Amino acid sequence: MRGIGLTKEILIRLYTKLGKTDKEIAEFFDLDRTTIVHNRKKLGIEARKNLGQIGEVLVISKLTQRGFKVQDMNEKDKTYLYDLKVNERIRIEVKTSRLHEGKLSFSMSNKKEAECIPSEHRVLSPTGRTIKIYRKTCDFVIFVGLTPEKIHYFIVPSSFIEDGKTSIGFSPAANHKFKEFENQWKIIRGEGRATAN
């Protein structure tokens, strides 16, 4: 392995236990980031899940516990218009945020660098970001809010998502427009409209 002192034990400590990024480790050892990625894979050190993947895993677990059959569309093709297919027909998009300064902020758009092409399902914002038209691409958007106290789930019909919104933010403790959808898993089954908690 290139890099003095770069062993499997050190990589596990830095990457897995301390949460350092490949780039941070590479800079510390004066190596290229791809060298760290290659060596981590070669040594069987799994890549951490990103925030979006964490949210998807949590939602899959919740849906499965409730008896839904769930297919992760990202395993099939990362360019799918939605993240999960439930009971072979219900399309779900998952958005995840950590609490920051008392607020959850969910990105609803893709960076210009992602090179998403505008279409009947996507619009281009003035900043060059592309935004899905969620009512056309999925049936529900599930917002997963990670806070120190608990995980919040808001199961929102896609028709409630305003076209062209680049982000959605709210405090989980406040009374906001999506509050009535918190933990309303039953609406996925079509069991009436969500009611306020």
C-alpha atoms as a PDB file:
ATOM      1  CA  MET A   1       0.000   0.000   0.000  1.00  0.00           C
ATOM      2  CA  ARG A   2       1.271   3.471  -0.809  1.00  0.00           C
ATOM      3  CA  GLY A   3       1.535   5.869   2.107  1.00  0.00           C
ATOM      4  CA  ILE A   4       3.698   5.426   5.153  1.00  0.00           C
ATOM      5  CA  GLY A   5       1.708   4.036   8.054  1.00  0.00           C
ATOM      6  CA  LEU A   6      -1.491   3.520   6.059  1.00  0.00           C
ATOM      7  CA  THR A   7      -2.746   0.155   7.312  1.00  0.00           C
ATOM      8  CA  LYS A   8      -6.185  -1.451   7.402  1.00  0.00           C
ATOM      9  CA  GLU A   9      -6.437  -0.699  11.133  1.00  0.00           C
ATOM     10  CA  ILE A  10      -5.615   2.977  10.565  1.00  0.00           C
ATOM     11  CA  LEU A  11      -8.075   3.242   7.672  1.00  0.00           C
ATOM     12  CA  ILE A  12     -10.826   1.657   9.790  1.00  0.00           C
ATOM     13  CA  ARG A  13     -10.069   4.061  12.642  1.00  0.00           C
ATOM     14  CA  LEU A  14      -9.997   7.170  10.447  1.00  0.00           C
ATOM     15  CA  TYR A  15     -12.810   6.316   8.021  1.00  0.00           C
ATOM     16  CA  THR A  16     -15.203   4.162  10.047  1.00  0.00           C
ATOM     17  CA  LYS A  17     -14.700   5.206  13.670  1.00  0.00           C
ATOM     18  CA  LEU A  18     -13.758   8.890  13.298  1.00  0.00           C
ATOM     19  CA  GLY A  19     -15.870   9.529  10.192  1.00  0.00           C
ATOM     20  CA  LYS A  20     -13.075  11.137   8.139  1.00  0.00           C
ATOM     21  CA  THR A  21     -13.690  11.417   4.404  1.00  0.00           C
ATOM     22  CA  ASP A  22     -11.498   9.794   1.754  1.00  0.00           C
ATOM     23  CA  LYS A  23     -10.316  13.285   0.806  1.00  0.00           C
ATOM     24  CA  GLU A  24      -9.348  14.174   4.395  1.00  0.00           C
ATOM     25  CA  ILE A  25      -7.419  10.911   4.789  1.00  0.00           C
ATOM     26  CA  ALA A  26      -5.697  11.440   1.433  1.00  0.00           C
ATOM     27  CA  GLU A  27      -4.610  14.965   2.407  1.00  0.00           C
ATOM     28  CA  PHE A  28      -3.246  13.719   5.747  1.00  0.00           C
ATOM     29  CA  PHE A  29      -1.108  11.052   4.014  1.00  0.00           C
ATOM     30  CA  ASP A  30      -0.308  13.322   1.026  1.00  0.00           C
ATOM     31  CA  LEU A  31      -1.991  10.919  -1.395  1.00  0.00           C
ATOM     32  CA  ASP A  32      -4.636  11.150  -4.100  1.00  0.00           C
ATOM     33  CA  ARG A  33      -8.237  10.537  -2.939  1.00  0.00           C
ATOM     34  CA  THR A  34      -8.649   7.695  -5.465  1.00  0.00           C
ATOM     35  CA  THR A  35      -5.750   5.859  -3.794  1.00  0.00           C
ATOM     36  CA  ILE A  36      -7.648   5.884  -0.499  1.00  0.00           C
ATOM     37  CA  VAL A  37     -10.891   4.751  -2.197  1.00  0.00           C
ATOM     38  CA  HIS A  38      -9.061   1.925  -4.025  1.00  0.00           C
ATOM     39  CA  ASN A  39      -7.273   0.729  -0.882  1.00  0.00           C
ATOM     40  CA  ARG A  40     -10.433   0.934   1.228  1.00  0.00           C
ATOM     41  CA  LYS A  41     -12.301  -1.239  -1.303  1.00  0.00           C
ATOM     42  CA  LYS A  42      -9.367  -3.648  -1.604  1.00  0.00           C
ATOM     43  CA  LEU A  43      -9.307  -4.074   2.184  1.00  0.00           C
ATOM     44  CA  GLY A  44     -13.076  -4.646   2.347  1.00  0.00           C
ATOM     45  CA  ILE A  45     -13.906  -1.415   4.186  1.00  0.00           C
ATOM     46  CA  GLU A  46     -17.422  -0.547   3.011  1.00  0.00           C
ATOM     47  CA  ALA A  47     -18.299   2.973   1.965  1.00  0.00           C
ATOM     48  CA  ARG A  48     -20.526   4.851   4.385  1.00  0.00           C
ATOM     49  CA  LYS A  49     -24.078   5.526   3.299  1.00  0.00           C
ATOM     50  CA  ASN A  50     -24.803   9.123   2.363  1.00  0.00           C
ATOM     51  CA  LEU A  51     -27.676  11.007   3.973  1.00  0.00           C
ATOM     52  CA  GLY A  52     -30.105  10.135   1.167  1.00  0.00           C
ATOM     53  CA  GLN A  53     -29.268   6.429   1.403  1.00  0.00           C
ATOM     54  CA  ILE A  54     -29.734   6.486   5.184  1.00  0.00           C
ATOM     55  CA  GLY A  55     -33.223   7.933   4.738  1.00  0.00           C
ATOM     56  CA  GLU A  56     -34.134   5.359   2.100  1.00  0.00           C
ATOM     57  CA  VAL A  57     -33.000   2.466   4.328  1.00  0.00           C
ATOM     58  CA  LEU A  58     -35.077   3.850   7.220  1.00  0.00           C
ATOM     59  CA  VAL A  59     -38.187   4.210   5.029  1.00  0.00           C
ATOM     60  CA  ILE A  60     -37.755   0.725   3.536  1.00  0.00           C
ATOM     61  CA  SER A  61     -37.575  -0.684   7.070  1.00  0.00           C
ATOM     62  CA  LYS A  62     -40.718   1.199   8.200  1.00  0.00           C
ATOM     63  CA  LEU A  63     -42.687   0.145   5.111  1.00  0.00           C
ATOM     64  CA  THR A  64     -41.588  -3.497   5.389  1.00  0.00           C
ATOM     65  CA  GLN A  65     -42.593  -3.575   9.092  1.00  0.00           C
ATOM     66  CA  ARG A  66     -46.056  -2.427   7.994  1.00  0.00           C
ATOM     67  CA  GLY A  67     -46.421  -5.271   5.498  1.00  0.00           C
ATOM     68  CA  PHE A  68     -45.642  -3.380   2.292  1.00  0.00           C
ATOM     69  CA  LYS A  69     -43.630  -5.012  -0.475  1.00  0.00           C
ATOM     70  CA  VAL A  70     -40.801  -2.559  -1.298  1.00  0.00           C
ATOM     71  CA  GLN A  71     -38.477  -2.406  -4.290  1.00  0.00           C
ATOM     72  CA  ASP A  72     -35.439  -0.074  -4.129  1.00  0.00           C
ATOM     73  CA  MET A  73     -35.336   1.452  -7.617  1.00  0.00           C
ATOM     74  CA  ASN A  74     -31.793   2.780  -7.058  1.00  0.00           C
ATOM     75  CA  GLU A  75     -30.524  -0.803  -7.056  1.00  0.00           C
ATOM     76  CA  LYS A  76     -31.992  -1.200 -10.533  1.00  0.00           C
ATOM     77  CA  ASP A  77     -31.009   2.167 -12.004  1.00  0.00           C
ATOM     78  CA  LYS A  78     -29.798   5.295 -10.170  1.00  0.00           C
ATOM     79  CA  THR A  79     -31.470   7.511 -12.787  1.00  0.00           C
ATOM     80  CA  TYR A  80     -35.016   6.340 -11.953  1.00  0.00           C
ATOM     81  CA  LEU A  81     -37.520   9.168 -11.470  1.00  0.00           C
ATOM     82  CA  TYR A  82     -38.343   7.928  -7.934  1.00  0.00           C
ATOM     83  CA  ASP A  83     -36.612   5.963  -5.172  1.00  0.00           C
ATOM     84  CA  LEU A  84     -38.985   3.184  -4.116  1.00  0.00           C
ATOM     85  CA  LYS A  85     -41.805   1.173  -5.662  1.00  0.00           C
ATOM     86  CA  VAL A  86     -44.311  -0.102  -3.103  1.00  0.00           C
ATOM     87  CA  ASN A  87     -46.682  -3.005  -3.739  1.00  0.00           C
ATOM     88  CA  GLU A  88     -45.591  -2.929  -7.402  1.00  0.00           C
ATOM     89  CA  ARG A  89     -47.488   0.290  -8.174  1.00  0.00           C
ATOM     90  CA  ILE A  90     -46.964   3.104  -5.639  1.00  0.00           C
ATOM     91  CA  ARG A  91     -44.043   5.422  -6.454  1.00  0.00           C
ATOM     92  CA  ILE A  92     -42.205   7.027  -3.537  1.00  0.00           C
ATOM     93  CA  GLU A  93     -39.481   9.677  -3.418  1.00  0.00           C
ATOM     94  CA  VAL A  94     -37.481   9.950  -0.170  1.00  0.00           C
ATOM     95  CA  LYS A  95     -35.914  13.216   1.020  1.00  0.00           C
ATOM     96  CA  THR A  96     -33.723  13.292   4.129  1.00  0.00           C
ATOM     97  CA  SER A  97     -32.386  16.073   6.336  1.00  0.00           C
ATOM     98  CA  ARG A  98     -30.540  16.391   9.616  1.00  0.00           C
ATOM     99  CA  LEU A  99     -31.666  19.020  12.093  1.00  0.00           C
ATOM    100  CA  HIS A 100     -29.585  22.193  11.765  1.00  0.00           C
ATOM    101  CA  GLU A 101     -30.245  25.226  13.963  1.00  0.00           C
ATOM    102  CA  GLY A 102     -33.695  23.898  14.840  1.00  0.00           C
ATOM    103  CA  LYS A 103     -34.753  23.382  11.226  1.00  0.00           C
ATOM    104  CA  LEU A 104     -34.965  20.525   8.715  1.00  0.00           C
ATOM    105  CA  SER A 105     -34.018  21.589   5.163  1.00  0.00           C
ATOM    106  CA  PHE A 106     -34.776  19.260   2.270  1.00  0.00           C
ATOM    107  CA  SER A 107     -33.200  19.843  -1.140  1.00  0.00           C
ATOM    108  CA  MET A 108     -35.759  19.352  -3.900  1.00  0.00           C
ATOM    109  CA  SER A 109     -33.397  20.053  -6.818  1.00  0.00           C
ATOM    110  CA  ASN A 110     -30.243  18.786  -8.495  1.00  0.00           C
ATOM    111  CA  LYS A 111     -27.045  20.786  -8.909  1.00  0.00           C
ATOM    112  CA  LYS A 112     -26.101  22.069 -12.364  1.00  0.00           C
ATOM    113  CA  GLU A 113     -23.121  19.665 -12.296  1.00  0.00           C
ATOM    114  CA  ALA A 114     -25.520  16.677 -12.200  1.00  0.00           C
ATOM    115  CA  GLU A 115     -26.374  17.574 -15.826  1.00  0.00           C
ATOM    116  CA  CYS A 116     -30.023  16.536 -15.515  1.00  0.00           C
ATOM    117  CA  ILE A 117     -31.898  17.348 -18.698  1.00  0.00           C
ATOM    118  CA  PRO A 118     -35.107  19.415 -18.549  1.00  0.00           C
ATOM    119  CA  SER A 119     -38.134  17.426 -19.721  1.00  0.00           C
ATOM    120  CA  GLU A 120     -41.827  17.002 -19.025  1.00  0.00           C
ATOM    121  CA  HIS A 121     -40.737  15.740 -15.569  1.00  0.00           C
ATOM    122  CA  ARG A 122     -38.019  18.307 -14.812  1.00  0.00           C
ATOM    123  CA  VAL A 123     -37.755  22.081 -15.044  1.00  0.00           C
ATOM    124  CA  LEU A 124     -34.689  24.298 -15.098  1.00  0.00           C
ATOM    125  CA  SER A 125     -34.408  26.954 -12.387  1.00  0.00           C
ATOM    126  CA  PRO A 126     -32.841  30.395 -13.025  1.00  0.00           C
ATOM    127  CA  THR A 127     -29.761  29.216 -11.074  1.00  0.00           C
ATOM    128  CA  GLY A 128     -29.205  26.259 -13.433  1.00  0.00           C
ATOM    129  CA  ARG A 129     -30.471  23.643 -10.999  1.00  0.00           C
ATOM    130  CA  THR A 130     -33.067  21.156 -12.216  1.00  0.00           C
ATOM    131  CA  ILE A 131     -36.205  20.432 -10.242  1.00  0.00           C
ATOM    132  CA  LYS A 132     -38.483  17.421 -10.575  1.00  0.00           C
ATOM    133  CA  ILE A 133     -42.187  18.009 -10.939  1.00  0.00           C
ATOM    134  CA  TYR A 134     -43.030  15.602  -8.145  1.00  0.00           C
ATOM    135  CA  ARG A 135     -46.735  15.228  -8.940  1.00  0.00           C
ATOM    136  CA  LYS A 136     -45.620  13.725 -12.289  1.00  0.00           C
ATOM    137  CA  THR A 137     -42.799  11.507 -11.002  1.00  0.00           C
ATOM    138  CA  CYS A 138     -44.161   9.950  -7.798  1.00  0.00           C
ATOM    139  CA  ASP A 139     -47.254   9.405  -5.681  1.00  0.00           C
ATOM    140  CA  PHE A 140     -45.722  10.349  -2.317  1.00  0.00           C
ATOM    141  CA  VAL A 141     -42.692  12.222  -1.027  1.00  0.00           C
ATOM    142  CA  ILE A 142     -41.564  10.932   2.350  1.00  0.00           C
ATOM    143  CA  PHE A 143     -39.554  13.509   4.279  1.00  0.00           C
ATOM    144  CA  VAL A 144     -37.226  11.898   6.843  1.00  0.00           C
ATOM    145  CA  GLY A 145     -36.057  14.312   9.546  1.00  0.00           C
ATOM    146  CA  LEU A 146     -33.139  13.126  11.663  1.00  0.00           C
ATOM    147  CA  THR A 147     -33.054  14.852  15.053  1.00  0.00           C
ATOM    148  CA  PRO A 148     -31.159  13.906  18.237  1.00  0.00           C
ATOM    149  CA  GLU A 149     -34.435  12.976  19.961  1.00  0.00           C
ATOM    150  CA  LYS A 150     -36.176  10.973  17.230  1.00  0.00           C
ATOM    151  CA  ILE A 151     -36.649  10.299  13.531  1.00  0.00           C
ATOM    152  CA  HIS A 152     -39.582  12.161  11.988  1.00  0.00           C
ATOM    153  CA  TYR A 153     -41.454  10.805   8.949  1.00  0.00           C
ATOM    154  CA  PHE A 154     -43.821  12.968   6.902  1.00  0.00           C
ATOM    155  CA  ILE A 155     -45.732  10.975   4.247  1.00  0.00           C
ATOM    156  CA  VAL A 156     -46.826  13.708   1.837  1.00  0.00           C
ATOM    157  CA  PRO A 157     -48.912  13.165  -1.321  1.00  0.00           C
ATOM    158  CA  SER A 158     -46.854  14.531  -4.213  1.00  0.00           C
ATOM    159  CA  SER A 159     -49.731  16.791  -5.264  1.00  0.00           C
ATOM    160  CA  PHE A 160     -48.990  18.844  -2.090  1.00  0.00           C
ATOM    161  CA  ILE A 161     -45.469  19.673  -3.327  1.00  0.00           C
ATOM    162  CA  GLU A 162     -45.484  23.019  -5.085  1.00  0.00           C
ATOM    163  CA  ASP A 163     -43.950  22.859  -8.589  1.00  0.00           C
ATOM    164  CA  GLY A 164     -40.580  24.586  -8.864  1.00  0.00           C
ATOM    165  CA  LYS A 165     -39.602  24.491  -5.169  1.00  0.00           C
ATOM    166  CA  THR A 166     -35.810  24.105  -4.884  1.00  0.00           C
ATOM    167  CA  SER A 167     -35.994  23.391  -1.147  1.00  0.00           C
ATOM    168  CA  ILE A 168     -38.487  22.807   1.645  1.00  0.00           C
ATOM    169  CA  GLY A 169     -37.670  23.674   5.237  1.00  0.00           C
ATOM    170  CA  PHE A 170     -39.481  23.598   8.558  1.00  0.00           C
ATOM    171  CA  SER A 171     -38.978  23.007  12.250  1.00  0.00           C
ATOM    172  CA  PRO A 172     -40.236  19.548  13.254  1.00  0.00           C
ATOM    173  CA  ALA A 173     -41.632  21.017  16.480  1.00  0.00           C
ATOM    174  CA  ALA A 174     -43.531  23.856  14.776  1.00  0.00           C
ATOM    175  CA  ASN A 175     -46.978  23.771  13.239  1.00  0.00           C
ATOM    176  CA  HIS A 176     -46.156  23.653   9.499  1.00  0.00           C
ATOM    177  CA  LYS A 177     -48.105  22.690   6.391  1.00  0.00           C
ATOM    178  CA  PHE A 178     -46.804  19.101   6.393  1.00  0.00           C
ATOM    179  CA  LYS A 179     -47.406  18.438  10.108  1.00  0.00           C
ATOM    180  CA  GLU A 180     -50.726  16.661   9.415  1.00  0.00           C
ATOM    181  CA  PHE A 181     -48.787  14.050   7.412  1.00  0.00           C
ATOM    182  CA  GLU A 182     -46.413  13.029  10.202  1.00  0.00           C
ATOM    183  CA  ASN A 183     -46.434   9.222  10.610  1.00  0.00           C
ATOM    184  CA  GLN A 184     -49.500   8.902   8.367  1.00  0.00           C
ATOM    185  CA  TRP A 185     -48.344   5.630   6.767  1.00  0.00           C
ATOM    186  CA  LYS A 186     -51.991   4.588   6.278  1.00  0.00           C
ATOM    187  CA  ILE A 187     -52.476   7.039   3.403  1.00  0.00           C
ATOM    188  CA  ILE A 188     -50.101   4.933   1.301  1.00  0.00           C
ATOM    189  CA  ARG A 189     -52.729   2.186   1.522  1.00  0.00           C
ATOM    190  CA  GLY A 190     -55.378   4.709   0.486  1.00  0.00           C
ATOM    191  CA  GLU A 191     -57.033   4.590   3.896  1.00  0.00           C
ATOM    192  CA  GLY A 192     -58.520   8.056   3.828  1.00  0.00           C
ATOM    193  CA  ARG A 193     -56.780  11.377   3.943  1.00  0.00           C
ATOM    194  CA  ALA A 194     -54.302  12.192   6.659  1.00  0.00           C
ATOM    195  CA  THR A 195     -55.687  14.005   9.653  1.00  0.00           C
ATOM    196  CA  ALA A 196     -53.797  16.279  11.982  1.00  0.00           C
ATOM    197  CA  ASN A 197     -52.090  14.601  14.931  1.00  0.00           C
END
